[in-house]
């Protein structure tokens, strides 16, 4: 699901879609394969490529997968490999350019309890 103020979608000869969505804010939700979980995100611009199953979020980007969250100027997520990354942008302070911040919150996996032999 992709919600935006404006969206441009193109389809290639093989039937794959590439789309760019713009808005204040654009939101998306995608169900993960094989599990009952979703990936949610928002940004001012989102680009999606169905051939590579890659979502790219630009400007005020936020992505949440299960209980893990990423925030940055740019966030990407590859659904087929479940690889994601966040990159900070530039901020201007006192006429100097410094790197923007990235926030990542990752939850530990629950421990699997070993069963005692019978």
PDB file of N, CA and C in Angstrom:
ATOM      1  N   UNK A   1       0.861  -1.162   0.000  1.00  0.00           N
ATOM      2  CA  UNK A   1       0.000   0.000   0.000  1.00  0.00           C
ATOM      3  C   UNK A   1       0.908   1.225   0.000  1.00  0.00           C
ATOM      4  N   UNK A   2       0.622   2.154  -0.907  1.00  0.00           N
ATOM      5  CA  UNK A   2       1.387   3.389  -1.010  1.00  0.00           C
ATOM      6  C   UNK A   2       0.407   4.551  -1.088  1.00  0.00           C
ATOM      7  N   UNK A   3       0.549   5.521  -0.181  1.00  0.00           N
ATOM      8  CA  UNK A   3      -0.359   6.676  -0.150  1.00  0.00           C
ATOM      9  C   UNK A   3       0.472   7.945  -0.326  1.00  0.00           C
ATOM     10  N   UNK A   4       0.019   8.803  -1.273  1.00  0.00           N
ATOM     11  CA  UNK A   4       0.779  10.011  -1.581  1.00  0.00           C
ATOM     12  C   UNK A   4      -0.135  11.073  -2.167  1.00  0.00           C
ATOM     13  N   UNK A   5       0.376  12.316  -2.206  1.00  0.00           N
ATOM     14  CA  UNK A   5      -0.344  13.397  -2.871  1.00  0.00           C
ATOM     15  C   UNK A   5      -0.270  13.242  -4.386  1.00  0.00           C
ATOM     16  N   UNK A   6       0.888  12.749  -4.873  1.00  0.00           N
ATOM     17  CA  UNK A   6       1.089  12.591  -6.308  1.00  0.00           C
ATOM     18  C   UNK A   6       1.982  11.379  -6.539  1.00  0.00           C
ATOM     19  N   UNK A   7       1.695  10.616  -7.602  1.00  0.00           N
ATOM     20  CA  UNK A   7       2.448   9.406  -7.876  1.00  0.00           C
ATOM     21  C   UNK A   7       2.646   9.252  -9.383  1.00  0.00           C
ATOM     22  N   UNK A   8       3.839   8.849  -9.781  1.00  0.00           N
ATOM     23  CA  UNK A   8       4.154   8.547 -11.176  1.00  0.00           C
ATOM     24  C   UNK A   8       4.579   7.089 -11.214  1.00  0.00           C
ATOM     25  N   UNK A   9       3.899   6.282 -12.040  1.00  0.00           N
ATOM     26  CA  UNK A   9       4.199   4.853 -12.140  1.00  0.00           C
ATOM     27  C   UNK A   9       4.497   4.522 -13.596  1.00  0.00           C
ATOM     28  N   UNK A  10       5.576   3.772 -13.806  1.00  0.00           N
ATOM     29  CA  UNK A  10       5.967   3.307 -15.129  1.00  0.00           C
ATOM     30  C   UNK A  10       6.039   1.790 -15.110  1.00  0.00           C
ATOM     31  N   UNK A  11       5.709   1.172 -16.235  1.00  0.00           N
ATOM     32  CA  UNK A  11       5.785  -0.277 -16.350  1.00  0.00           C
ATOM     33  C   UNK A  11       6.733  -0.610 -17.492  1.00  0.00           C
ATOM     34  N   UNK A  12       7.688  -1.525 -17.238  1.00  0.00           N
ATOM     35  CA  UNK A  12       8.625  -1.898 -18.298  1.00  0.00           C
ATOM     36  C   UNK A  12       8.037  -3.025 -19.157  1.00  0.00           C
ATOM     37  N   UNK A  13       8.780  -3.449 -20.160  1.00  0.00           N
ATOM     38  CA  UNK A  13       8.301  -4.452 -21.119  1.00  0.00           C
ATOM     39  C   UNK A  13       8.015  -5.801 -20.452  1.00  0.00           C
ATOM     40  N   UNK A  14       8.679  -6.107 -19.339  1.00  0.00           N
ATOM     41  CA  UNK A  14       8.461  -7.374 -18.629  1.00  0.00           C
ATOM     42  C   UNK A  14       7.300  -7.282 -17.635  1.00  0.00           C
ATOM     43  N   UNK A  15       6.696  -6.122 -17.490  1.00  0.00           N
ATOM     44  CA  UNK A  15       5.553  -5.958 -16.588  1.00  0.00           C
ATOM     45  C   UNK A  15       5.903  -5.498 -15.192  1.00  0.00           C
ATOM     46  N   UNK A  16       7.176  -5.176 -14.939  1.00  0.00           N
ATOM     47  CA  UNK A  16       7.577  -4.676 -13.624  1.00  0.00           C
ATOM     48  C   UNK A  16       7.255  -3.191 -13.528  1.00  0.00           C
ATOM     49  N   UNK A  17       6.875  -2.749 -12.326  1.00  0.00           N
ATOM     50  CA  UNK A  17       6.516  -1.351 -12.098  1.00  0.00           C
ATOM     51  C   UNK A  17       7.615  -0.632 -11.335  1.00  0.00           C
ATOM     52  N   UNK A  18       7.842   0.610 -11.711  1.00  0.00           N
ATOM     53  CA  UNK A  18       8.698   1.520 -10.969  1.00  0.00           C
ATOM     54  C   UNK A  18       7.855   2.749 -10.698  1.00  0.00           C
ATOM     55  N   UNK A  19       7.841   3.187  -9.444  1.00  0.00           N
ATOM     56  CA  UNK A  19       7.007   4.327  -9.095  1.00  0.00           C
ATOM     57  C   UNK A  19       7.731   5.306  -8.210  1.00  0.00           C
ATOM     58  N   UNK A  20       7.351   6.566  -8.352  1.00  0.00           N
ATOM     59  CA  UNK A  20       7.845   7.630  -7.496  1.00  0.00           C
ATOM     60  C   UNK A  20       6.628   8.347  -6.928  1.00  0.00           C
ATOM     61  N   UNK A  21       6.601   8.467  -5.609  1.00  0.00           N
ATOM     62  CA  UNK A  21       5.470   9.096  -4.922  1.00  0.00           C
ATOM     63  C   UNK A  21       5.970  10.310  -4.153  1.00  0.00           C
ATOM     64  N   UNK A  22       5.180  11.387  -4.215  1.00  0.00           N
ATOM     65  CA  UNK A  22       5.525  12.643  -3.557  1.00  0.00           C
ATOM     66  C   UNK A  22       4.402  13.042  -2.617  1.00  0.00           C
ATOM     67  N   UNK A  23       4.757  13.716  -1.525  1.00  0.00           N
ATOM     68  CA  UNK A  23       3.704  14.187  -0.634  1.00  0.00           C
ATOM     69  C   UNK A  23       4.243  14.746   0.650  1.00  0.00           C
ATOM     70  N   UNK A  24       3.305  15.058   1.494  1.00  0.00           N
ATOM     71  CA  UNK A  24       3.645  15.614   2.792  1.00  0.00           C
ATOM     72  C   UNK A  24       2.929  14.786   3.853  1.00  0.00           C
ATOM     73  N   UNK A  25       3.314  13.749   4.165  1.00  0.00           N
ATOM     74  CA  UNK A  25       4.288  12.724   3.919  1.00  0.00           C
ATOM     75  C   UNK A  25       3.671  11.608   3.065  1.00  0.00           C
ATOM     76  N   UNK A  26       4.542  10.884   2.359  1.00  0.00           N
ATOM     77  CA  UNK A  26       4.151   9.674   1.649  1.00  0.00           C
ATOM     78  C   UNK A  26       4.311   8.520   2.628  1.00  0.00           C
ATOM     79  N   UNK A  27       3.354   7.595   2.650  1.00  0.00           N
ATOM     80  CA  UNK A  27       3.462   6.433   3.541  1.00  0.00           C
ATOM     81  C   UNK A  27       3.338   5.157   2.721  1.00  0.00           C
ATOM     82  N   UNK A  28       3.953   4.098   3.222  1.00  0.00           N
ATOM     83  CA  UNK A  28       3.801   2.800   2.573  1.00  0.00           C
ATOM     84  C   UNK A  28       3.746   1.703   3.623  1.00  0.00           C
ATOM     85  N   UNK A  29       3.175   0.581   3.208  1.00  0.00           N
ATOM     86  CA  UNK A  29       3.113  -0.609   4.048  1.00  0.00           C
ATOM     87  C   UNK A  29       3.244  -1.809   3.136  1.00  0.00           C
ATOM     88  N   UNK A  30       4.132  -2.750   3.520  1.00  0.00           N
ATOM     89  CA  UNK A  30       4.365  -3.953   2.719  1.00  0.00           C
ATOM     90  C   UNK A  30       4.414  -5.159   3.639  1.00  0.00           C
ATOM     91  N   UNK A  31       3.683  -6.211   3.283  1.00  0.00           N
ATOM     92  CA  UNK A  31       3.701  -7.448   4.060  1.00  0.00           C
ATOM     93  C   UNK A  31       4.977  -8.217   3.749  1.00  0.00           C
ATOM     94  N   UNK A  32       5.623  -8.709   4.783  1.00  0.00           N
ATOM     95  CA  UNK A  32       6.826  -9.520   4.602  1.00  0.00           C
ATOM     96  C   UNK A  32       6.429 -10.938   4.216  1.00  0.00           C
ATOM     97  N   UNK A  33       7.197 -11.538   3.329  1.00  0.00           N
ATOM     98  CA  UNK A  33       6.935 -12.897   2.877  1.00  0.00           C
ATOM     99  C   UNK A  33       7.178 -13.903   3.989  1.00  0.00           C
ATOM    100  N   UNK A  34       6.251 -14.827   4.150  1.00  0.00           N
ATOM    101  CA  UNK A  34       6.435 -15.953   5.061  1.00  0.00           C
ATOM    102  C   UNK A  34       6.186 -15.680   6.534  1.00  0.00           C
ATOM    103  N   UNK A  35       5.921 -14.446   6.913  1.00  0.00           N
ATOM    104  CA  UNK A  35       5.656 -14.125   8.321  1.00  0.00           C
ATOM    105  C   UNK A  35       4.476 -13.163   8.391  1.00  0.00           C
ATOM    106  N   UNK A  36       3.889 -13.088   9.572  1.00  0.00           N
ATOM    107  CA  UNK A  36       2.757 -12.191   9.763  1.00  0.00           C
ATOM    108  C   UNK A  36       3.254 -10.845  10.295  1.00  0.00           C
ATOM    109  N   UNK A  37       4.085 -10.171   9.494  1.00  0.00           N
ATOM    110  CA  UNK A  37       4.666  -8.880   9.863  1.00  0.00           C
ATOM    111  C   UNK A  37       4.633  -7.952   8.664  1.00  0.00           C
ATOM    112  N   UNK A  38       4.740  -6.661   8.952  1.00  0.00           N
ATOM    113  CA  UNK A  38       4.726  -5.639   7.905  1.00  0.00           C
ATOM    114  C   UNK A  38       5.934  -4.731   8.046  1.00  0.00           C
ATOM    115  N   UNK A  39       6.316  -4.120   6.940  1.00  0.00           N
ATOM    116  CA  UNK A  39       7.301  -3.052   6.930  1.00  0.00           C
ATOM    117  C   UNK A  39       6.515  -1.780   6.648  1.00  0.00           C
ATOM    118  N   UNK A  40       6.666  -0.771   7.506  1.00  0.00           N
ATOM    119  CA  UNK A  40       5.987   0.512   7.352  1.00  0.00           C
ATOM    120  C   UNK A  40       7.032   1.599   7.189  1.00  0.00           C
ATOM    121  N   UNK A  41       6.674   2.647   6.462  1.00  0.00           N
ATOM    122  CA  UNK A  41       7.610   3.747   6.304  1.00  0.00           C
ATOM    123  C   UNK A  41       6.921   5.013   5.840  1.00  0.00           C
ATOM    124  N   UNK A  42       7.661   6.127   5.950  1.00  0.00           N
ATOM    125  CA  UNK A  42       7.163   7.399   5.454  1.00  0.00           C
ATOM    126  C   UNK A  42       8.346   8.288   5.092  1.00  0.00           C
ATOM    127  N   UNK A  43       8.103   9.217   4.170  1.00  0.00           N
ATOM    128  CA  UNK A  43       9.100  10.193   3.732  1.00  0.00           C
ATOM    129  C   UNK A  43       8.396  11.210   2.847  1.00  0.00           C
ATOM    130  N   UNK A  44       9.135  12.233   2.443  1.00  0.00           N
ATOM    131  CA  UNK A  44       8.559  13.208   1.530  1.00  0.00           C
ATOM    132  C   UNK A  44       8.537  12.689   0.094  1.00  0.00           C
ATOM    133  N   UNK A  45       9.429  11.735  -0.217  1.00  0.00           N
ATOM    134  CA  UNK A  45       9.432  11.085  -1.531  1.00  0.00           C
ATOM    135  C   UNK A  45       9.804   9.618  -1.344  1.00  0.00           C
ATOM    136  N   UNK A  46       9.067   8.740  -1.995  1.00  0.00           N
ATOM    137  CA  UNK A  46       9.362   7.306  -1.939  1.00  0.00           C
ATOM    138  C   UNK A  46       9.431   6.785  -3.370  1.00  0.00           C
ATOM    139  N   UNK A  47      10.471   6.001  -3.648  1.00  0.00           N
ATOM    140  CA  UNK A  47      10.617   5.343  -4.939  1.00  0.00           C
ATOM    141  C   UNK A  47      10.570   3.839  -4.709  1.00  0.00           C
ATOM    142  N   UNK A  48       9.805   3.143  -5.556  1.00  0.00           N
ATOM    143  CA  UNK A  48       9.657   1.689  -5.427  1.00  0.00           C
ATOM    144  C   UNK A  48       9.936   1.049  -6.773  1.00  0.00           C
ATOM    145  N   UNK A  49      10.690  -0.042  -6.760  1.00  0.00           N
ATOM    146  CA  UNK A  49      10.989  -0.817  -7.956  1.00  0.00           C
ATOM    147  C   UNK A  49      10.565  -2.256  -7.689  1.00  0.00           C
ATOM    148  N   UNK A  50       9.519  -2.713  -8.395  1.00  0.00           N
ATOM    149  CA  UNK A  50       9.004  -4.066  -8.141  1.00  0.00           C
ATOM    150  C   UNK A  50       9.954  -5.140  -8.660  1.00  0.00           C
ATOM    151  N   UNK A  51      10.804  -4.826  -9.635  1.00  0.00           N
ATOM    152  CA  UNK A  51      11.744  -5.813 -10.172  1.00  0.00           C
ATOM    153  C   UNK A  51      12.802  -6.195  -9.135  1.00  0.00           C
ATOM    154  N   UNK A  52      13.315  -5.208  -8.423  1.00  0.00           N
ATOM    155  CA  UNK A  52      14.331  -5.455  -7.403  1.00  0.00           C
ATOM    156  C   UNK A  52      13.731  -5.538  -5.998  1.00  0.00           C
ATOM    157  N   UNK A  53      12.429  -5.274  -5.873  1.00  0.00           N
ATOM    158  CA  UNK A  53      11.727  -5.241  -4.582  1.00  0.00           C
ATOM    159  C   UNK A  53      12.437  -4.300  -3.610  1.00  0.00           C
ATOM    160  N   UNK A  54      12.803  -3.119  -4.126  1.00  0.00           N
ATOM    161  CA  UNK A  54      13.522  -2.130  -3.328  1.00  0.00           C
ATOM    162  C   UNK A  54      12.669  -0.877  -3.156  1.00  0.00           C
ATOM    163  N   UNK A  55      12.637  -0.384  -1.904  1.00  0.00           N
ATOM    164  CA  UNK A  55      11.947   0.852  -1.568  1.00  0.00           C
ATOM    165  C   UNK A  55      13.007   1.837  -1.089  1.00  0.00           C
ATOM    166  N   UNK A  56      12.986   3.052  -1.651  1.00  0.00           N
ATOM    167  CA  UNK A  56      13.906   4.104  -1.230  1.00  0.00           C
ATOM    168  C   UNK A  56      13.090   5.280  -0.722  1.00  0.00           C
ATOM    169  N   UNK A  57      13.451   5.778   0.457  1.00  0.00           N
ATOM    170  CA  UNK A  57      12.732   6.882   1.099  1.00  0.00           C
ATOM    171  C   UNK A  57      13.675   8.068   1.211  1.00  0.00           C
ATOM    172  N   UNK A  58      13.215   9.233   0.746  1.00  0.00           N
ATOM    173  CA  UNK A  58      14.045  10.426   0.704  1.00  0.00           C
ATOM    174  C   UNK A  58      13.410  11.545   1.536  1.00  0.00           C
ATOM    175  N   UNK A  59      14.219  12.227   2.318  1.00  0.00           N
ATOM    176  CA  UNK A  59      13.864  13.407   3.105  1.00  0.00           C
ATOM    177  C   UNK A  59      12.865  13.059   4.219  1.00  0.00           C
ATOM    178  N   UNK A  60      13.305  13.226   5.446  1.00  0.00           N
ATOM    179  CA  UNK A  60      12.519  12.873   6.636  1.00  0.00           C
ATOM    180  C   UNK A  60      12.055  11.424   6.580  1.00  0.00           C
ATOM    181  N   UNK A  61      12.976  10.545   6.265  1.00  0.00           N
ATOM    182  CA  UNK A  61      12.651   9.134   6.062  1.00  0.00           C
ATOM    183  C   UNK A  61      12.567   8.384   7.381  1.00  0.00           C
ATOM    184  N   UNK A  62      11.588   7.494   7.452  1.00  0.00           N
ATOM    185  CA  UNK A  62      11.353   6.651   8.632  1.00  0.00           C
ATOM    186  C   UNK A  62      10.928   5.283   8.133  1.00  0.00           C
ATOM    187  N   UNK A  63      11.494   4.229   8.721  1.00  0.00           N
ATOM    188  CA  UNK A  63      11.156   2.856   8.347  1.00  0.00           C
ATOM    189  C   UNK A  63      11.048   2.031   9.615  1.00  0.00           C
ATOM    190  N   UNK A  64      10.030   1.182   9.685  1.00  0.00           N
ATOM    191  CA  UNK A  64       9.848   0.304  10.836  1.00  0.00           C
ATOM    192  C   UNK A  64       9.582  -1.102  10.331  1.00  0.00           C
ATOM    193  N   UNK A  65      10.371  -2.050  10.831  1.00  0.00           N
ATOM    194  CA  UNK A  65      10.177  -3.467  10.544  1.00  0.00           C
ATOM    195  C   UNK A  65      10.102  -4.185  11.875  1.00  0.00           C
ATOM    196  N   UNK A  66       8.943  -4.761  12.163  1.00  0.00           N
ATOM    197  CA  UNK A  66       8.667  -5.357  13.465  1.00  0.00           C
ATOM    198  C   UNK A  66       8.894  -4.281  14.521  1.00  0.00           C
ATOM    199  N   UNK A  67       9.881  -4.440  15.398  1.00  0.00           N
ATOM    200  CA  UNK A  67      10.136  -3.422  16.425  1.00  0.00           C
ATOM    201  C   UNK A  67      11.399  -2.622  16.137  1.00  0.00           C
ATOM    202  N   UNK A  68      12.048  -2.880  14.995  1.00  0.00           N
ATOM    203  CA  UNK A  68      13.241  -2.142  14.598  1.00  0.00           C
ATOM    204  C   UNK A  68      12.821  -0.888  13.838  1.00  0.00           C
ATOM    205  N   UNK A  69      13.514   0.243  14.100  1.00  0.00           N
ATOM    206  CA  UNK A  69      13.190   1.511  13.445  1.00  0.00           C
ATOM    207  C   UNK A  69      14.454   2.192  12.952  1.00  0.00           C
ATOM    208  N   UNK A  70      14.346   2.844  11.797  1.00  0.00           N
ATOM    209  CA  UNK A  70      15.430   3.647  11.240  1.00  0.00           C
ATOM    210  C   UNK A  70      14.877   5.011  10.870  1.00  0.00           C
ATOM    211  N   UNK A  71      15.662   6.052  11.122  1.00  0.00           N
ATOM    212  CA  UNK A  71      15.306   7.415  10.721  1.00  0.00           C
ATOM    213  C   UNK A  71      16.553   8.070  10.144  1.00  0.00           C
ATOM    214  N   UNK A  72      16.367   8.805   9.064  1.00  0.00           N
ATOM    215  CA  UNK A  72      17.479   9.513   8.442  1.00  0.00           C
ATOM    216  C   UNK A  72      16.974  10.337   7.286  1.00  0.00           C
ATOM    217  N   UNK A  73      17.898  10.973   6.588  1.00  0.00           N
ATOM    218  CA  UNK A  73      17.518  11.726   5.406  1.00  0.00           C
ATOM    219  C   UNK A  73      17.195  10.774   4.258  1.00  0.00           C
ATOM    220  N   UNK A  74      17.855   9.607   4.245  1.00  0.00           N
ATOM    221  CA  UNK A  74      17.635   8.590   3.220  1.00  0.00           C
ATOM    222  C   UNK A  74      17.592   7.224   3.889  1.00  0.00           C
ATOM    223  N   UNK A  75      16.594   6.429   3.560  1.00  0.00           N
ATOM    224  CA  UNK A  75      16.488   5.064   4.060  1.00  0.00           C
ATOM    225  C   UNK A  75      16.115   4.177   2.879  1.00  0.00           C
ATOM    226  N   UNK A  76      16.775   3.023   2.769  1.00  0.00           N
ATOM    227  CA  UNK A  76      16.394   2.065   1.729  1.00  0.00           C
ATOM    228  C   UNK A  76      16.131   0.711   2.362  1.00  0.00           C
ATOM    229  N   UNK A  77      15.258  -0.057   1.692  1.00  0.00           N
ATOM    230  CA  UNK A  77      14.895  -1.391   2.171  1.00  0.00           C
ATOM    231  C   UNK A  77      14.740  -2.309   0.967  1.00  0.00           C
ATOM    232  N   UNK A  78      15.456  -3.432   0.981  1.00  0.00           N
ATOM    233  CA  UNK A  78      15.346  -4.436  -0.068  1.00  0.00           C
ATOM    234  C   UNK A  78      14.564  -5.611   0.492  1.00  0.00           C
ATOM    235  N   UNK A  79      13.354  -5.800   0.000  1.00  0.00           N
ATOM    236  CA  UNK A  79      12.470  -6.829   0.520  1.00  0.00           C
ATOM    237  C   UNK A  79      12.979  -8.240   0.307  1.00  0.00           C
ATOM    238  N   UNK A  80      13.659  -8.500  -0.812  1.00  0.00           N
ATOM    239  CA  UNK A  80      14.118  -9.863  -1.103  1.00  0.00           C
ATOM    240  C   UNK A  80      15.244 -10.306  -0.177  1.00  0.00           C
ATOM    241  N   UNK A  81      16.109  -9.381   0.242  1.00  0.00           N
ATOM    242  CA  UNK A  81      17.224  -9.729   1.123  1.00  0.00           C
ATOM    243  C   UNK A  81      17.022  -9.234   2.548  1.00  0.00           C
ATOM    244  N   UNK A  82      15.984  -8.405   2.769  1.00  0.00           N
ATOM    245  CA  UNK A  82      15.710  -7.767   4.047  1.00  0.00           C
ATOM    246  C   UNK A  82      16.883  -6.923   4.535  1.00  0.00           C
ATOM    247  N   UNK A  83      17.631  -6.354   3.588  1.00  0.00           N
ATOM    248  CA  UNK A  83      18.736  -5.448   3.887  1.00  0.00           C
ATOM    249  C   UNK A  83      18.193  -4.031   3.914  1.00  0.00           C
ATOM    250  N   UNK A  84      18.518  -3.289   4.969  1.00  0.00           N
ATOM    251  CA  UNK A  84      18.107  -1.898   5.010  1.00  0.00           C
ATOM    252  C   UNK A  84      19.254  -1.041   5.522  1.00  0.00           C
ATOM    253  N   UNK A  85      19.212   0.241   5.130  1.00  0.00           N
ATOM    254  CA  UNK A  85      20.254   1.168   5.552  1.00  0.00           C
ATOM    255  C   UNK A  85      19.661   2.562   5.712  1.00  0.00           C
ATOM    256  N   UNK A  86      20.330   3.378   6.519  1.00  0.00           N
ATOM    257  CA  UNK A  86      19.915   4.764   6.730  1.00  0.00           C
ATOM    258  C   UNK A  86      21.145   5.646   6.568  1.00  0.00           C
ATOM    259  N   UNK A  87      20.951   6.804   5.912  1.00  0.00           N
ATOM    260  CA  UNK A  87      22.029   7.753   5.693  1.00  0.00           C
ATOM    261  C   UNK A  87      21.541   9.125   6.139  1.00  0.00           C
ATOM    262  N   UNK A  88      22.379   9.828   6.897  1.00  0.00           N
ATOM    263  CA  UNK A  88      22.030  11.175   7.343  1.00  0.00           C
ATOM    264  C   UNK A  88      22.264  12.170   6.227  1.00  0.00           C
ATOM    265  N   UNK A  89      21.573  13.285   6.285  1.00  0.00           N
ATOM    266  CA  UNK A  89      21.744  14.332   5.288  1.00  0.00           C
ATOM    267  C   UNK A  89      22.621  15.438   5.830  1.00  0.00           C
ATOM    268  N   UNK A  90      22.730  16.495   5.094  1.00  0.00           N
ATOM    269  CA  UNK A  90      23.513  17.655   5.520  1.00  0.00           C
ATOM    270  C   UNK A  90      22.611  18.645   6.233  1.00  0.00           C
ATOM    271  N   UNK A  91      23.150  19.251   7.269  1.00  0.00           N
ATOM    272  CA  UNK A  91      22.441  20.324   7.963  1.00  0.00           C
ATOM    273  C   UNK A  91      23.348  21.543   7.963  1.00  0.00           C
ATOM    274  N   UNK A  92      22.772  22.692   7.930  1.00  0.00           N
ATOM    275  CA  UNK A  92      23.553  23.926   7.911  1.00  0.00           C
ATOM    276  C   UNK A  92      23.488  24.578   9.282  1.00  0.00           C
ATOM    277  N   UNK A  93      24.634  24.797   9.901  1.00  0.00           N
ATOM    278  CA  UNK A  93      24.699  25.459  11.211  1.00  0.00           C
ATOM    279  C   UNK A  93      25.924  26.365  11.212  1.00  0.00           C
ATOM    280  N   UNK A  94      25.724  27.626  11.494  1.00  0.00           N
ATOM    281  CA  UNK A  94      26.820  28.611  11.533  1.00  0.00           C
ATOM    282  C   UNK A  94      27.628  28.617  10.245  1.00  0.00           C
ATOM    283  N   UNK A  95      26.938  28.542   9.105  1.00  0.00           N
ATOM    284  CA  UNK A  95      27.557  28.574   7.782  1.00  0.00           C
ATOM    285  C   UNK A  95      28.527  27.424   7.533  1.00  0.00           C
ATOM    286  N   UNK A  96      28.416  26.344   8.253  1.00  0.00           N
ATOM    287  CA  UNK A  96      29.247  25.168   7.989  1.00  0.00           C
ATOM    288  C   UNK A  96      28.330  23.987   7.742  1.00  0.00           C
ATOM    289  N   UNK A  97      28.812  23.058   6.963  1.00  0.00           N
ATOM    290  CA  UNK A  97      28.013  21.882   6.656  1.00  0.00           C
ATOM    291  C   UNK A  97      28.507  20.729   7.519  1.00  0.00           C
ATOM    292  N   UNK A  98      27.587  20.125   8.244  1.00  0.00           N
ATOM    293  CA  UNK A  98      27.934  18.970   9.073  1.00  0.00           C
ATOM    294  C   UNK A  98      26.985  17.836   8.719  1.00  0.00           C
ATOM    295  N   UNK A  99      27.424  16.603   8.915  1.00  0.00           N
ATOM    296  CA  UNK A  99      26.548  15.491   8.560  1.00  0.00           C
ATOM    297  C   UNK A  99      25.304  15.439   9.440  1.00  0.00           C
ATOM    298  N   UNK A 100      24.192  15.029   8.856  1.00  0.00           N
ATOM    299  CA  UNK A 100      22.960  14.865   9.611  1.00  0.00           C
ATOM    300  C   UNK A 100      23.019  13.619  10.464  1.00  0.00           C
ATOM    301  N   UNK A 101      22.035  13.453  11.275  1.00  0.00           N
ATOM    302  CA  UNK A 101      22.007  12.325  12.197  1.00  0.00           C
ATOM    303  C   UNK A 101      21.158  11.198  11.649  1.00  0.00           C
ATOM    304  N   UNK A 102      21.489  10.014  12.053  1.00  0.00           N
ATOM    305  CA  UNK A 102      20.718   8.811  11.766  1.00  0.00           C
ATOM    306  C   UNK A 102      20.346   8.203  13.104  1.00  0.00           C
ATOM    307  N   UNK A 103      19.113   7.757  13.221  1.00  0.00           N
ATOM    308  CA  UNK A 103      18.673   7.086  14.439  1.00  0.00           C
ATOM    309  C   UNK A 103      18.258   5.669  14.073  1.00  0.00           C
ATOM    310  N   UNK A 104      18.815   4.699  14.772  1.00  0.00           N
ATOM    311  CA  UNK A 104      18.477   3.295  14.547  1.00  0.00           C
ATOM    312  C   UNK A 104      18.168   2.665  15.894  1.00  0.00           C
ATOM    313  N   UNK A 105      17.030   2.015  15.999  1.00  0.00           N
ATOM    314  CA  UNK A 105      16.656   1.277  17.206  1.00  0.00           C
ATOM    315  C   UNK A 105      16.432  -0.161  16.770  1.00  0.00           C
ATOM    316  N   UNK A 106      17.275  -1.056  17.277  1.00  0.00           N
ATOM    317  CA  UNK A 106      17.161  -2.474  16.938  1.00  0.00           C
ATOM    318  C   UNK A 106      16.898  -3.268  18.211  1.00  0.00           C
ATOM    319  N   UNK A 107      15.886  -4.084  18.164  1.00  0.00           N
ATOM    320  CA  UNK A 107      15.523  -4.898  19.315  1.00  0.00           C
ATOM    321  C   UNK A 107      16.230  -6.246  19.239  1.00  0.00           C
ATOM    322  N   UNK A 108      16.710  -6.749  20.365  1.00  0.00           N
ATOM    323  CA  UNK A 108      17.344  -8.072  20.346  1.00  0.00           C
ATOM    324  C   UNK A 108      16.307  -9.155  20.072  1.00  0.00           C
ATOM    325  N   UNK A 109      16.768 -10.213  19.452  1.00  0.00           N
ATOM    326  CA  UNK A 109      15.892 -11.366  19.211  1.00  0.00           C
ATOM    327  C   UNK A 109      15.637 -12.061  20.545  1.00  0.00           C
ATOM    328  N   UNK A 110      14.436 -12.581  20.750  1.00  0.00           N
ATOM    329  CA  UNK A 110      14.175 -13.303  22.005  1.00  0.00           C
ATOM    330  C   UNK A 110      15.021 -14.570  22.084  1.00  0.00           C
ATOM    331  N   UNK A 111      15.442 -14.890  23.287  1.00  0.00           N
ATOM    332  CA  UNK A 111      16.226 -16.113  23.498  1.00  0.00           C
ATOM    333  C   UNK A 111      15.335 -17.320  23.303  1.00  0.00           C
ATOM    334  N   UNK A 112      15.889 -18.318  22.664  1.00  0.00           N
ATOM    335  CA  UNK A 112      15.173 -19.583  22.498  1.00  0.00           C
ATOM    336  C   UNK A 112      15.573 -20.474  23.658  1.00  0.00           C
ATOM    337  N   UNK A 113      14.576 -20.922  24.409  1.00  0.00           N
ATOM    338  CA  UNK A 113      14.856 -21.757  25.578  1.00  0.00           C
ATOM    339  C   UNK A 113      15.077 -23.202  25.122  1.00  0.00           C
ATOM    340  N   UNK A 114      16.173 -23.775  25.571  1.00  0.00           N
ATOM    341  CA  UNK A 114      16.470 -25.160  25.255  1.00  0.00           C
ATOM    342  C   UNK A 114      15.573 -26.068  26.100  1.00  0.00           C
ATOM    343  N   UNK A 115      15.074 -27.106  25.481  1.00  0.00           N
ATOM    344  CA  UNK A 115      14.252 -28.061  26.237  1.00  0.00           C
ATOM    345  C   UNK A 115      15.154 -29.151  26.802  1.00  0.00           C
ATOM    346  N   UNK A 116      14.834 -29.549  28.005  1.00  0.00           N
ATOM    347  CA  UNK A 116      15.620 -30.586  28.672  1.00  0.00           C
ATOM    348  C   UNK A 116      15.303 -31.955  28.066  1.00  0.00           C
ATOM    349  N   UNK A 117      16.323 -32.799  27.894  1.00  0.00           N
ATOM    350  CA  UNK A 117      16.062 -34.154  27.354  1.00  0.00           C
ATOM    351  C   UNK A 117      15.202 -34.966  28.314  1.00  0.00           C
ATOM    352  N   UNK A 118      14.378 -35.827  27.758  1.00  0.00           N
ATOM    353  CA  UNK A 118      13.486 -36.639  28.596  1.00  0.00           C
ATOM    354  C   UNK A 118      14.056 -37.992  28.881  1.00  0.00           C
TER     355      UNK A 118
END
